[in-house]
Amino acid sequence: MSDKINLLEVFENKHQYRDYVIVHQADEFTSLCPLTGHPDFGKITISYIPLKKCIELKSLKLYLQSFRNDGIFYENIINEILNDLVKVLKPKWIEVKGVFSVRGGIFSTVTASYGKKPK
């Protein structure tokens, strides 16, 4: 759990009786390479089946923007986001996917999930 978790706000899911998937996509995610300090760019996609809570979008935007000046590896970004969202949402299922821009000729995608996605 990160210290950024305090930026996240939630609201009540009024449709707890139904499984439905919410997908949020942030196309302009930025952070810094922890080794070089150069900027990294990517697209973060968050998909989840809520239980009692849903994420408030402005708070999610501010949360994702808080990584902008952090020197952090891709794998740590995705797992930190997943851990924080699991903590505040307690969803039935959630997946966080990061598709990062080419750096040094290498294209990276990192995906982490929690729970089992119902069929």
PDB file of N, CA and C in Angstrom:
ATOM      1  N   MET A   1       0.850  -1.172   0.000  1.00  0.00           N
ATOM      2  CA  MET A   1       0.000   0.000   0.000  1.00  0.00           C
ATOM      3  C   MET A   1       0.894   1.233   0.000  1.00  0.00           C
ATOM      4  N   SER A   2       0.574   2.191  -0.856  1.00  0.00           N
ATOM      5  CA  SER A   2       1.398   3.390  -0.975  1.00  0.00           C
ATOM      6  C   SER A   2       0.808   4.539  -0.165  1.00  0.00           C
ATOM      7  N   ASP A   3       1.611   5.580  -0.011  1.00  0.00           N
ATOM      8  CA  ASP A   3       1.123   6.779   0.656  1.00  0.00           C
ATOM      9  C   ASP A   3       0.164   7.562  -0.245  1.00  0.00           C
ATOM     10  N   LYS A   4       0.134   7.223  -1.524  1.00  0.00           N
ATOM     11  CA  LYS A   4      -0.758   7.878  -2.483  1.00  0.00           C
ATOM     12  C   LYS A   4      -2.218   7.450  -2.286  1.00  0.00           C
ATOM     13  N   ILE A   5      -2.428   6.382  -1.553  1.00  0.00           N
ATOM     14  CA  ILE A   5      -3.764   5.811  -1.390  1.00  0.00           C
ATOM     15  C   ILE A   5      -4.763   6.829  -0.847  1.00  0.00           C
ATOM     16  N   ASN A   6      -4.273   7.807  -0.093  1.00  0.00           N
ATOM     17  CA  ASN A   6      -5.155   8.827   0.483  1.00  0.00           C
ATOM     18  C   ASN A   6      -5.796   9.725  -0.577  1.00  0.00           C
ATOM     19  N   LEU A   7      -5.276   9.691  -1.791  1.00  0.00           N
ATOM     20  CA  LEU A   7      -5.855  10.476  -2.879  1.00  0.00           C
ATOM     21  C   LEU A   7      -7.121   9.827  -3.445  1.00  0.00           C
ATOM     22  N   LEU A   8      -7.282   8.530  -3.213  1.00  0.00           N
ATOM     23  CA  LEU A   8      -8.391   7.785  -3.811  1.00  0.00           C
ATOM     24  C   LEU A   8      -9.681   7.932  -2.998  1.00  0.00           C
ATOM     25  N   GLU A   9     -10.751   8.257  -3.704  1.00  0.00           N
ATOM     26  CA  GLU A   9     -12.077   8.364  -3.097  1.00  0.00           C
ATOM     27  C   GLU A   9     -13.003   7.355  -3.767  1.00  0.00           C
ATOM     28  N   VAL A  10     -13.976   6.886  -3.011  1.00  0.00           N
ATOM     29  CA  VAL A  10     -14.921   5.895  -3.521  1.00  0.00           C
ATOM     30  C   VAL A  10     -16.353   6.354  -3.268  1.00  0.00           C
ATOM     31  N   PHE A  11     -17.292   5.700  -3.938  1.00  0.00           N
ATOM     32  CA  PHE A  11     -18.713   5.928  -3.690  1.00  0.00           C
ATOM     33  C   PHE A  11     -19.433   4.589  -3.722  1.00  0.00           C
ATOM     34  N   GLU A  12     -20.625   4.562  -3.193  1.00  0.00           N
ATOM     35  CA  GLU A  12     -21.396   3.324  -3.060  1.00  0.00           C
ATOM     36  C   GLU A  12     -21.826   2.774  -4.409  1.00  0.00           C
ATOM     37  N   ASN A  13     -21.654   1.475  -4.590  1.00  0.00           N
ATOM     38  CA  ASN A  13     -22.154   0.769  -5.764  1.00  0.00           C
ATOM     39  C   ASN A  13     -23.626   0.435  -5.512  1.00  0.00           C
ATOM     40  N   LYS A  14     -24.515   1.065  -6.221  1.00  0.00           N
ATOM     41  CA  LYS A  14     -25.946   0.840  -6.015  1.00  0.00           C
ATOM     42  C   LYS A  14     -26.470  -0.367  -6.787  1.00  0.00           C
ATOM     43  N   HIS A  15     -25.583  -1.095  -7.438  1.00  0.00           N
ATOM     44  CA  HIS A  15     -25.993  -2.261  -8.227  1.00  0.00           C
ATOM     45  C   HIS A  15     -25.196  -3.500  -7.811  1.00  0.00           C
ATOM     46  N   GLN A  16     -25.075  -3.705  -6.515  1.00  0.00           N
ATOM     47  CA  GLN A  16     -24.298  -4.816  -5.975  1.00  0.00           C
ATOM     48  C   GLN A  16     -24.876  -6.177  -6.335  1.00  0.00           C
ATOM     49  N   TYR A  17     -26.130  -6.213  -6.701  1.00  0.00           N
ATOM     50  CA  TYR A  17     -26.814  -7.459  -7.032  1.00  0.00           C
ATOM     51  C   TYR A  17     -26.403  -7.997  -8.405  1.00  0.00           C
ATOM     52  N   ARG A  18     -25.641  -7.200  -9.167  1.00  0.00           N
ATOM     53  CA  ARG A  18     -25.289  -7.569 -10.534  1.00  0.00           C
ATOM     54  C   ARG A  18     -23.776  -7.496 -10.721  1.00  0.00           C
ATOM     55  N   ASP A  19     -23.210  -8.471 -11.414  1.00  0.00           N
ATOM     56  CA  ASP A  19     -21.811  -8.389 -11.827  1.00  0.00           C
ATOM     57  C   ASP A  19     -21.741  -7.585 -13.118  1.00  0.00           C
ATOM     58  N   TYR A  20     -20.974  -6.516 -13.108  1.00  0.00           N
ATOM     59  CA  TYR A  20     -20.735  -5.735 -14.308  1.00  0.00           C
ATOM     60  C   TYR A  20     -19.308  -5.213 -14.263  1.00  0.00           C
ATOM     61  N   VAL A  21     -18.732  -4.990 -15.419  1.00  0.00           N
ATOM     62  CA  VAL A  21     -17.334  -4.597 -15.516  1.00  0.00           C
ATOM     63  C   VAL A  21     -17.237  -3.096 -15.782  1.00  0.00           C
ATOM     64  N   ILE A  22     -16.399  -2.444 -15.000  1.00  0.00           N
ATOM     65  CA  ILE A  22     -16.078  -1.032 -15.193  1.00  0.00           C
ATOM     66  C   ILE A  22     -14.654  -0.980 -15.737  1.00  0.00           C
ATOM     67  N   VAL A  23     -14.442  -0.189 -16.798  1.00  0.00           N
ATOM     68  CA  VAL A  23     -13.112  -0.036 -17.375  1.00  0.00           C
ATOM     69  C   VAL A  23     -12.768   1.444 -17.425  1.00  0.00           C
ATOM     70  N   HIS A  24     -11.617   1.784 -16.844  1.00  0.00           N
ATOM     71  CA  HIS A  24     -11.090   3.156 -16.901  1.00  0.00           C
ATOM     72  C   HIS A  24      -9.746   3.094 -17.613  1.00  0.00           C
ATOM     73  N   GLN A  25      -9.528   4.034 -18.523  1.00  0.00           N
ATOM     74  CA  GLN A  25      -8.282   4.037 -19.281  1.00  0.00           C
ATOM     75  C   GLN A  25      -7.643   5.413 -19.199  1.00  0.00           C
ATOM     76  N   ALA A  26      -6.395   5.457 -18.807  1.00  0.00           N
ATOM     77  CA  ALA A  26      -5.626   6.704 -18.752  1.00  0.00           C
ATOM     78  C   ALA A  26      -4.530   6.616 -19.811  1.00  0.00           C
ATOM     79  N   ASP A  27      -4.701   7.364 -20.894  1.00  0.00           N
ATOM     80  CA  ASP A  27      -3.790   7.278 -22.040  1.00  0.00           C
ATOM     81  C   ASP A  27      -2.513   8.092 -21.873  1.00  0.00           C
ATOM     82  N   GLU A  28      -2.447   8.957 -20.857  1.00  0.00           N
ATOM     83  CA  GLU A  28      -1.304   9.869 -20.729  1.00  0.00           C
ATOM     84  C   GLU A  28      -0.566   9.673 -19.419  1.00  0.00           C
ATOM     85  N   PHE A  29      -0.371   8.425 -19.007  1.00  0.00           N
ATOM     86  CA  PHE A  29       0.343   8.140 -17.772  1.00  0.00           C
ATOM     87  C   PHE A  29       1.828   8.447 -17.943  1.00  0.00           C
ATOM     88  N   THR A  30       2.420   9.079 -16.939  1.00  0.00           N
ATOM     89  CA  THR A  30       3.853   9.349 -16.967  1.00  0.00           C
ATOM     90  C   THR A  30       4.478   9.064 -15.612  1.00  0.00           C
ATOM     91  N   SER A  31       5.725   8.633 -15.664  1.00  0.00           N
ATOM     92  CA  SER A  31       6.557   8.438 -14.477  1.00  0.00           C
ATOM     93  C   SER A  31       7.997   8.629 -14.941  1.00  0.00           C
ATOM     94  N   LEU A  32       8.939   8.341 -14.060  1.00  0.00           N
ATOM     95  CA  LEU A  32      10.354   8.479 -14.416  1.00  0.00           C
ATOM     96  C   LEU A  32      11.058   7.133 -14.302  1.00  0.00           C
ATOM     97  N   CYS A  33      12.021   6.903 -15.191  1.00  0.00           N
ATOM     98  CA  CYS A  33      12.862   5.720 -15.076  1.00  0.00           C
ATOM     99  C   CYS A  33      13.711   5.884 -13.816  1.00  0.00           C
ATOM    100  N   PRO A  34      13.717   4.887 -12.924  1.00  0.00           N
ATOM    101  CA  PRO A  34      14.476   5.027 -11.681  1.00  0.00           C
ATOM    102  C   PRO A  34      15.996   4.999 -11.886  1.00  0.00           C
ATOM    103  N   LEU A  35      16.447   4.548 -13.048  1.00  0.00           N
ATOM    104  CA  LEU A  35      17.885   4.478 -13.310  1.00  0.00           C
ATOM    105  C   LEU A  35      18.414   5.713 -14.026  1.00  0.00           C
ATOM    106  N   THR A  36      17.663   6.167 -15.025  1.00  0.00           N
ATOM    107  CA  THR A  36      18.142   7.286 -15.845  1.00  0.00           C
ATOM    108  C   THR A  36      17.487   8.615 -15.495  1.00  0.00           C
ATOM    109  N   GLY A  37      16.313   8.557 -14.881  1.00  0.00           N
ATOM    110  CA  GLY A  37      15.556   9.780 -14.617  1.00  0.00           C
ATOM    111  C   GLY A  37      14.797  10.286 -15.823  1.00  0.00           C
ATOM    112  N   HIS A  38      14.886   9.565 -16.942  1.00  0.00           N
ATOM    113  CA  HIS A  38      14.156   9.961 -18.145  1.00  0.00           C
ATOM    114  C   HIS A  38      12.671   9.662 -17.974  1.00  0.00           C
ATOM    115  N   PRO A  39      11.815  10.426 -18.641  1.00  0.00           N
ATOM    116  CA  PRO A  39      10.375  10.181 -18.512  1.00  0.00           C
ATOM    117  C   PRO A  39       9.953   8.898 -19.221  1.00  0.00           C
ATOM    118  N   ASP A  40       9.007   8.207 -18.604  1.00  0.00           N
ATOM    119  CA  ASP A  40       8.369   7.037 -19.190  1.00  0.00           C
ATOM    120  C   ASP A  40       6.915   7.392 -19.453  1.00  0.00           C
ATOM    121  N   PHE A  41       6.381   6.895 -20.551  1.00  0.00           N
ATOM    122  CA  PHE A  41       5.005   7.175 -20.944  1.00  0.00           C
ATOM    123  C   PHE A  41       4.262   5.865 -21.137  1.00  0.00           C
ATOM    124  N   GLY A  42       2.985   5.871 -20.800  1.00  0.00           N
ATOM    125  CA  GLY A  42       2.217   4.660 -20.989  1.00  0.00           C
ATOM    126  C   GLY A  42       0.726   4.894 -20.920  1.00  0.00           C
ATOM    127  N   LYS A  43       0.007   3.805 -21.149  1.00  0.00           N
ATOM    128  CA  LYS A  43      -1.446   3.796 -21.037  1.00  0.00           C
ATOM    129  C   LYS A  43      -1.794   2.799 -19.936  1.00  0.00           C
ATOM    130  N   ILE A  44      -2.558   3.250 -18.940  1.00  0.00           N
ATOM    131  CA  ILE A  44      -2.986   2.386 -17.840  1.00  0.00           C
ATOM    132  C   ILE A  44      -4.468   2.086 -18.030  1.00  0.00           C
ATOM    133  N   THR A  45      -4.802   0.803 -18.006  1.00  0.00           N
ATOM    134  CA  THR A  45      -6.202   0.387 -18.089  1.00  0.00           C
ATOM    135  C   THR A  45      -6.551  -0.371 -16.812  1.00  0.00           C
ATOM    136  N   ILE A  46      -7.610   0.085 -16.163  1.00  0.00           N
ATOM    137  CA  ILE A  46      -8.103  -0.528 -14.925  1.00  0.00           C
ATOM    138  C   ILE A  46      -9.483  -1.093 -15.221  1.00  0.00           C
ATOM    139  N   SER A  47      -9.632  -2.401 -15.062  1.00  0.00           N
ATOM    140  CA  SER A  47     -10.914  -3.076 -15.275  1.00  0.00           C
ATOM    141  C   SER A  47     -11.285  -3.763 -13.975  1.00  0.00           C
ATOM    142  N   TYR A  48     -12.538  -3.610 -13.539  1.00  0.00           N
ATOM    143  CA  TYR A  48     -12.925  -4.273 -12.295  1.00  0.00           C
ATOM    144  C   TYR A  48     -14.414  -4.551 -12.228  1.00  0.00           C
ATOM    145  N   ILE A  49     -14.738  -5.543 -11.402  1.00  0.00           N
ATOM    146  CA  ILE A  49     -16.119  -5.851 -11.053  1.00  0.00           C
ATOM    147  C   ILE A  49     -16.288  -5.390  -9.615  1.00  0.00           C
ATOM    148  N   PRO A  50     -17.089  -4.343  -9.417  1.00  0.00           N
ATOM    149  CA  PRO A  50     -17.217  -3.801  -8.061  1.00  0.00           C
ATOM    150  C   PRO A  50     -18.046  -4.700  -7.150  1.00  0.00           C
ATOM    151  N   LEU A  51     -17.830  -4.514  -5.874  1.00  0.00           N
ATOM    152  CA  LEU A  51     -18.679  -5.145  -4.872  1.00  0.00           C
ATOM    153  C   LEU A  51     -19.503  -4.029  -4.231  1.00  0.00           C
ATOM    154  N   LYS A  52     -19.008  -3.414  -3.183  1.00  0.00           N
ATOM    155  CA  LYS A  52     -19.764  -2.365  -2.496  1.00  0.00           C
ATOM    156  C   LYS A  52     -19.364  -0.957  -2.912  1.00  0.00           C
ATOM    157  N   LYS A  53     -18.169  -0.805  -3.532  1.00  0.00           N
ATOM    158  CA  LYS A  53     -17.659   0.532  -3.822  1.00  0.00           C
ATOM    159  C   LYS A  53     -17.170   0.644  -5.261  1.00  0.00           C
ATOM    160  N   CYS A  54     -17.245   1.885  -5.773  1.00  0.00           N
ATOM    161  CA  CYS A  54     -16.698   2.237  -7.085  1.00  0.00           C
ATOM    162  C   CYS A  54     -15.722   3.393  -6.883  1.00  0.00           C
ATOM    163  N   ILE A  55     -14.765   3.523  -7.793  1.00  0.00           N
ATOM    164  CA  ILE A  55     -13.772   4.582  -7.663  1.00  0.00           C
ATOM    165  C   ILE A  55     -14.301   5.882  -8.271  1.00  0.00           C
ATOM    166  N   GLU A  56     -14.032   6.988  -7.602  1.00  0.00           N
ATOM    167  CA  GLU A  56     -14.418   8.312  -8.100  1.00  0.00           C
ATOM    168  C   GLU A  56     -13.333   8.755  -9.085  1.00  0.00           C
ATOM    169  N   LEU A  57     -13.734   9.218 -10.282  1.00  0.00           N
ATOM    170  CA  LEU A  57     -12.787   9.427 -11.372  1.00  0.00           C
ATOM    171  C   LEU A  57     -11.804  10.576 -11.167  1.00  0.00           C
ATOM    172  N   LYS A  58     -12.230  11.681 -10.607  1.00  0.00           N
ATOM    173  CA  LYS A  58     -11.285  12.787 -10.398  1.00  0.00           C
ATOM    174  C   LYS A  58     -10.176  12.349  -9.443  1.00  0.00           C
ATOM    175  N   SER A  59     -10.546  11.618  -8.407  1.00  0.00           N
ATOM    176  CA  SER A  59      -9.524  11.153  -7.467  1.00  0.00           C
ATOM    177  C   SER A  59      -8.584  10.153  -8.139  1.00  0.00           C
ATOM    178  N   LEU A  60      -9.120   9.318  -9.032  1.00  0.00           N
ATOM    179  CA  LEU A  60      -8.280   8.374  -9.764  1.00  0.00           C
ATOM    180  C   LEU A  60      -7.302   9.122 -10.662  1.00  0.00           C
ATOM    181  N   LYS A  61      -7.784  10.155 -11.323  1.00  0.00           N
ATOM    182  CA  LYS A  61      -6.914  10.973 -12.181  1.00  0.00           C
ATOM    183  C   LYS A  61      -5.780  11.587 -11.369  1.00  0.00           C
ATOM    184  N   LEU A  62      -6.102  12.180 -10.228  1.00  0.00           N
ATOM    185  CA  LEU A  62      -5.075  12.796  -9.381  1.00  0.00           C
ATOM    186  C   LEU A  62      -4.105  11.749  -8.849  1.00  0.00           C
ATOM    187  N   TYR A  63      -4.615  10.586  -8.496  1.00  0.00           N
ATOM    188  CA  TYR A  63      -3.784   9.487  -8.017  1.00  0.00           C
ATOM    189  C   TYR A  63      -2.781   9.079  -9.094  1.00  0.00           C
ATOM    190  N   LEU A  64      -3.265   8.852 -10.311  1.00  0.00           N
ATOM    191  CA  LEU A  64      -2.371   8.439 -11.395  1.00  0.00           C
ATOM    192  C   LEU A  64      -1.357   9.530 -11.725  1.00  0.00           C
ATOM    193  N   GLN A  65      -1.774  10.783 -11.673  1.00  0.00           N
ATOM    194  CA  GLN A  65      -0.847  11.885 -11.943  1.00  0.00           C
ATOM    195  C   GLN A  65       0.229  12.012 -10.871  1.00  0.00           C
ATOM    196  N   SER A  66      -0.026  11.470  -9.687  1.00  0.00           N
ATOM    197  CA  SER A  66       0.947  11.583  -8.596  1.00  0.00           C
ATOM    198  C   SER A  66       2.209  10.748  -8.856  1.00  0.00           C
ATOM    199  N   PHE A  67       2.190   9.884  -9.863  1.00  0.00           N
ATOM    200  CA  PHE A  67       3.360   9.089 -10.223  1.00  0.00           C
ATOM    201  C   PHE A  67       4.323   9.867 -11.129  1.00  0.00           C
ATOM    202  N   ARG A  68       3.900  11.014 -11.604  1.00  0.00           N
ATOM    203  CA  ARG A  68       4.627  11.773 -12.627  1.00  0.00           C
ATOM    204  C   ARG A  68       6.103  11.994 -12.309  1.00  0.00           C
ATOM    205  N   ASN A  69       6.440  12.280 -11.072  1.00  0.00           N
ATOM    206  CA  ASN A  69       7.825  12.577 -10.698  1.00  0.00           C
ATOM    207  C   ASN A  69       8.503  11.440  -9.944  1.00  0.00           C
ATOM    208  N   ASP A  70       7.867  10.272  -9.936  1.00  0.00           N
ATOM    209  CA  ASP A  70       8.418   9.123  -9.218  1.00  0.00           C
ATOM    210  C   ASP A  70       9.352   8.308 -10.109  1.00  0.00           C
ATOM    211  N   GLY A  71      10.519   7.976  -9.585  1.00  0.00           N
ATOM    212  CA  GLY A  71      11.402   7.032 -10.252  1.00  0.00           C
ATOM    213  C   GLY A  71      10.968   5.630  -9.847  1.00  0.00           C
ATOM    214  N   ILE A  72      10.307   4.917 -10.770  1.00  0.00           N
ATOM    215  CA  ILE A  72       9.704   3.633 -10.417  1.00  0.00           C
ATOM    216  C   ILE A  72       9.651   2.725 -11.643  1.00  0.00           C
ATOM    217  N   PHE A  73       9.951   1.450 -11.443  1.00  0.00           N
ATOM    218  CA  PHE A  73       9.895   0.476 -12.533  1.00  0.00           C
ATOM    219  C   PHE A  73       8.444   0.167 -12.892  1.00  0.00           C
ATOM    220  N   TYR A  74       8.219  -0.224 -14.151  1.00  0.00           N
ATOM    221  CA  TYR A  74       6.875  -0.539 -14.649  1.00  0.00           C
ATOM    222  C   TYR A  74       6.164  -1.563 -13.767  1.00  0.00           C
ATOM    223  N   GLU A  75       6.885  -2.620 -13.425  1.00  0.00           N
ATOM    224  CA  GLU A  75       6.290  -3.699 -12.633  1.00  0.00           C
ATOM    225  C   GLU A  75       5.801  -3.188 -11.281  1.00  0.00           C
ATOM    226  N   ASN A  76       6.561  -2.285 -10.684  1.00  0.00           N
ATOM    227  CA  ASN A  76       6.180  -1.716  -9.387  1.00  0.00           C
ATOM    228  C   ASN A  76       4.988  -0.779  -9.518  1.00  0.00           C
ATOM    229  N   ILE A  77       4.937  -0.024 -10.600  1.00  0.00           N
ATOM    230  CA  ILE A  77       3.795   0.873 -10.838  1.00  0.00           C
ATOM    231  C   ILE A  77       2.499   0.077 -10.837  1.00  0.00           C
ATOM    232  N   ILE A  78       2.443  -0.947 -11.683  1.00  0.00           N
ATOM    233  CA  ILE A  78       1.205  -1.707 -11.870  1.00  0.00           C
ATOM    234  C   ILE A  78       0.789  -2.404 -10.578  1.00  0.00           C
ATOM    235  N   ASN A  79       1.742  -3.005  -9.882  1.00  0.00           N
ATOM    236  CA  ASN A  79       1.407  -3.696  -8.637  1.00  0.00           C
ATOM    237  C   ASN A  79       1.037  -2.729  -7.517  1.00  0.00           C
ATOM    238  N   GLU A  80       1.639  -1.556  -7.473  1.00  0.00           N
ATOM    239  CA  GLU A  80       1.268  -0.554  -6.473  1.00  0.00           C
ATOM    240  C   GLU A  80      -0.156  -0.052  -6.717  1.00  0.00           C
ATOM    241  N   ILE A  81      -0.477   0.230  -7.973  1.00  0.00           N
ATOM    242  CA  ILE A  81      -1.838   0.664  -8.311  1.00  0.00           C
ATOM    243  C   ILE A  81      -2.835  -0.428  -7.931  1.00  0.00           C
ATOM    244  N   LEU A  82      -2.539  -1.668  -8.293  1.00  0.00           N
ATOM    245  CA  LEU A  82      -3.430  -2.779  -7.961  1.00  0.00           C
ATOM    246  C   LEU A  82      -3.623  -2.895  -6.455  1.00  0.00           C
ATOM    247  N   ASN A  83      -2.541  -2.883  -5.696  1.00  0.00           N
ATOM    248  CA  ASN A  83      -2.636  -3.005  -4.235  1.00  0.00           C
ATOM    249  C   ASN A  83      -3.489  -1.905  -3.626  1.00  0.00           C
ATOM    250  N   ASP A  84      -3.288  -0.664  -4.074  1.00  0.00           N
ATOM    251  CA  ASP A  84      -4.048   0.457  -3.530  1.00  0.00           C
ATOM    252  C   ASP A  84      -5.532   0.348  -3.882  1.00  0.00           C
ATOM    253  N   LEU A  85      -5.835  -0.026  -5.125  1.00  0.00           N
ATOM    254  CA  LEU A  85      -7.239  -0.140  -5.530  1.00  0.00           C
ATOM    255  C   LEU A  85      -7.943  -1.294  -4.824  1.00  0.00           C
ATOM    256  N   VAL A  86      -7.245  -2.399  -4.622  1.00  0.00           N
ATOM    257  CA  VAL A  86      -7.835  -3.520  -3.869  1.00  0.00           C
ATOM    258  C   VAL A  86      -8.146  -3.057  -2.446  1.00  0.00           C
ATOM    259  N   LYS A  87      -7.240  -2.308  -1.855  1.00  0.00           N
ATOM    260  CA  LYS A  87      -7.425  -1.840  -0.476  1.00  0.00           C
ATOM    261  C   LYS A  87      -8.667  -0.938  -0.342  1.00  0.00           C
ATOM    262  N   VAL A  88      -8.851   0.000  -1.267  1.00  0.00           N
ATOM    263  CA  VAL A  88      -9.971   0.942  -1.129  1.00  0.00           C
ATOM    264  C   VAL A  88     -11.288   0.413  -1.691  1.00  0.00           C
ATOM    265  N   LEU A  89     -11.225  -0.446  -2.708  1.00  0.00           N
ATOM    266  CA  LEU A  89     -12.459  -0.928  -3.353  1.00  0.00           C
ATOM    267  C   LEU A  89     -12.950  -2.263  -2.812  1.00  0.00           C
ATOM    268  N   LYS A  90     -12.023  -3.150  -2.463  1.00  0.00           N
ATOM    269  CA  LYS A  90     -12.378  -4.530  -2.115  1.00  0.00           C
ATOM    270  C   LYS A  90     -13.301  -5.121  -3.189  1.00  0.00           C
ATOM    271  N   PRO A  91     -12.836  -5.116  -4.452  1.00  0.00           N
ATOM    272  CA  PRO A  91     -13.685  -5.565  -5.557  1.00  0.00           C
ATOM    273  C   PRO A  91     -13.793  -7.082  -5.627  1.00  0.00           C
ATOM    274  N   LYS A  92     -14.743  -7.544  -6.419  1.00  0.00           N
ATOM    275  CA  LYS A  92     -14.840  -8.978  -6.694  1.00  0.00           C
ATOM    276  C   LYS A  92     -13.648  -9.408  -7.536  1.00  0.00           C
ATOM    277  N   TRP A  93     -13.297  -8.573  -8.494  1.00  0.00           N
ATOM    278  CA  TRP A  93     -12.178  -8.840  -9.398  1.00  0.00           C
ATOM    279  C   TRP A  93     -11.656  -7.507  -9.911  1.00  0.00           C
ATOM    280  N   ILE A  94     -10.335  -7.439 -10.134  1.00  0.00           N
ATOM    281  CA  ILE A  94      -9.736  -6.238 -10.714  1.00  0.00           C
ATOM    282  C   ILE A  94      -8.474  -6.612 -11.475  1.00  0.00           C
ATOM    283  N   GLU A  95      -8.248  -5.904 -12.567  1.00  0.00           N
ATOM    284  CA  GLU A  95      -7.033  -6.072 -13.365  1.00  0.00           C
ATOM    285  C   GLU A  95      -6.486  -4.695 -13.701  1.00  0.00           C
ATOM    286  N   VAL A  96      -5.182  -4.522 -13.543  1.00  0.00           N
ATOM    287  CA  VAL A  96      -4.506  -3.284 -13.916  1.00  0.00           C
ATOM    288  C   VAL A  96      -3.475  -3.640 -14.974  1.00  0.00           C
ATOM    289  N   LYS A  97      -3.559  -2.946 -16.106  1.00  0.00           N
ATOM    290  CA  LYS A  97      -2.658  -3.217 -17.232  1.00  0.00           C
ATOM    291  C   LYS A  97      -1.955  -1.933 -17.627  1.00  0.00           C
ATOM    292  N   GLY A  98      -0.652  -2.026 -17.775  1.00  0.00           N
ATOM    293  CA  GLY A  98       0.135  -0.894 -18.255  1.00  0.00           C
ATOM    294  C   GLY A  98       0.790  -1.247 -19.567  1.00  0.00           C
ATOM    295  N   VAL A  99       0.555  -0.427 -20.575  1.00  0.00           N
ATOM    296  CA  VAL A  99       1.205  -0.580 -21.876  1.00  0.00           C
ATOM    297  C   VAL A  99       2.125   0.629 -22.011  1.00  0.00           C
ATOM    298  N   PHE A 100       3.418   0.383 -21.970  1.00  0.00           N
ATOM    299  CA  PHE A 100       4.393   1.468 -21.916  1.00  0.00           C
ATOM    300  C   PHE A 100       5.056   1.671 -23.275  1.00  0.00           C
ATOM    301  N   SER A 101       5.356   2.921 -23.575  1.00  0.00           N
ATOM    302  CA  SER A 101       5.951   3.291 -24.862  1.00  0.00           C
ATOM    303  C   SER A 101       7.317   2.650 -25.041  1.00  0.00           C
ATOM    304  N   VAL A 102       7.708   2.526 -26.283  1.00  0.00           N
ATOM    305  CA  VAL A 102       8.991   1.923 -26.628  1.00  0.00           C
ATOM    306  C   VAL A 102      10.126   2.736 -26.017  1.00  0.00           C
ATOM    307  N   ARG A 103      11.049   1.998 -25.389  1.00  0.00           N
ATOM    308  CA  ARG A 103      12.268   2.614 -24.849  1.00  0.00           C
ATOM    309  C   ARG A 103      13.403   1.659 -25.171  1.00  0.00           C
ATOM    310  N   GLY A 104      14.415   2.175 -25.864  1.00  0.00           N
ATOM    311  CA  GLY A 104      15.552   1.344 -26.238  1.00  0.00           C
ATOM    312  C   GLY A 104      15.165   0.183 -27.133  1.00  0.00           C
ATOM    313  N   GLY A 105      14.107   0.370 -27.922  1.00  0.00           N
ATOM    314  CA  GLY A 105      13.660  -0.665 -28.842  1.00  0.00           C
ATOM    315  C   GLY A 105      12.813  -1.758 -28.191  1.00  0.00           C
ATOM    316  N   ILE A 106      12.463  -1.582 -26.913  1.00  0.00           N
ATOM    317  CA  ILE A 106      11.678  -2.599 -26.208  1.00  0.00           C
ATOM    318  C   ILE A 106      10.328  -2.019 -25.808  1.00  0.00           C
ATOM    319  N   PHE A 107       9.284  -2.732 -26.160  1.00  0.00           N
ATOM    320  CA  PHE A 107       7.904  -2.378 -25.836  1.00  0.00           C
ATOM    321  C   PHE A 107       7.484  -3.235 -24.658  1.00  0.00           C
ATOM    322  N   SER A 108       6.955  -2.619 -23.598  1.00  0.00           N
ATOM    323  CA  SER A 108       6.619  -3.385 -22.387  1.00  0.00           C
ATOM    324  C   SER A 108       5.138  -3.282 -22.035  1.00  0.00           C
ATOM    325  N   THR A 109       4.556  -4.425 -21.648  1.00  0.00           N
ATOM    326  CA  THR A 109       3.200  -4.498 -21.119  1.00  0.00           C
ATOM    327  C   THR A 109       3.269  -5.281 -19.817  1.00  0.00           C
ATOM    328  N   VAL A 110       2.659  -4.718 -18.763  1.00  0.00           N
ATOM    329  CA  VAL A 110       2.620  -5.386 -17.465  1.00  0.00           C
ATOM    330  C   VAL A 110       1.157  -5.463 -17.028  1.00  0.00           C
ATOM    331  N   THR A 111       0.717  -6.657 -16.638  1.00  0.00           N
ATOM    332  CA  THR A 111      -0.663  -6.870 -16.197  1.00  0.00           C
ATOM    333  C   THR A 111      -0.663  -7.602 -14.862  1.00  0.00           C
ATOM    334  N   ALA A 112      -1.446  -7.104 -13.923  1.00  0.00           N
ATOM    335  CA  ALA A 112      -1.601  -7.763 -12.625  1.00  0.00           C
ATOM    336  C   ALA A 112      -3.084  -7.790 -12.282  1.00  0.00           C
ATOM    337  N   SER A 113      -3.517  -8.851 -11.589  1.00  0.00           N
ATOM    338  CA  SER A 113      -4.940  -8.954 -11.252  1.00  0.00           C
ATOM    339  C   SER A 113      -5.130  -9.491  -9.850  1.00  0.00           C
ATOM    340  N   TYR A 114      -6.360  -9.337  -9.375  1.00  0.00           N
ATOM    341  CA  TYR A 114      -6.754  -9.805  -8.035  1.00  0.00           C
ATOM    342  C   TYR A 114      -8.140 -10.413  -8.155  1.00  0.00           C
ATOM    343  N   GLY A 115      -8.355 -11.545  -7.505  1.00  0.00           N
ATOM    344  CA  GLY A 115      -9.662 -12.202  -7.516  1.00  0.00           C
ATOM    345  C   GLY A 115      -9.870 -12.988  -8.791  1.00  0.00           C
ATOM    346  N   LYS A 116     -11.042 -13.612  -8.859  1.00  0.00           N
ATOM    347  CA  LYS A 116     -11.403 -14.397 -10.045  1.00  0.00           C
ATOM    348  C   LYS A 116     -12.526 -13.693 -10.769  1.00  0.00           C
ATOM    349  N   LYS A 117     -12.313 -13.524 -12.073  1.00  0.00           N
ATOM    350  CA  LYS A 117     -13.334 -12.876 -12.881  1.00  0.00           C
ATOM    351  C   LYS A 117     -14.474 -13.864 -13.112  1.00  0.00           C
ATOM    352  N   PRO A 118     -15.709 -13.507 -12.693  1.00  0.00           N
ATOM    353  CA  PRO A 118     -16.852 -14.391 -12.946  1.00  0.00           C
ATOM    354  C   PRO A 118     -17.078 -14.558 -14.447  1.00  0.00           C
ATOM    355  N   LYS A 119     -17.628 -15.690 -14.819  1.00  0.00           N
ATOM    356  CA  LYS A 119     -17.893 -15.947 -16.239  1.00  0.00           C
ATOM    357  C   LYS A 119     -19.142 -15.278 -16.688  1.00  0.00           C
TER     358      LYS A 119
END
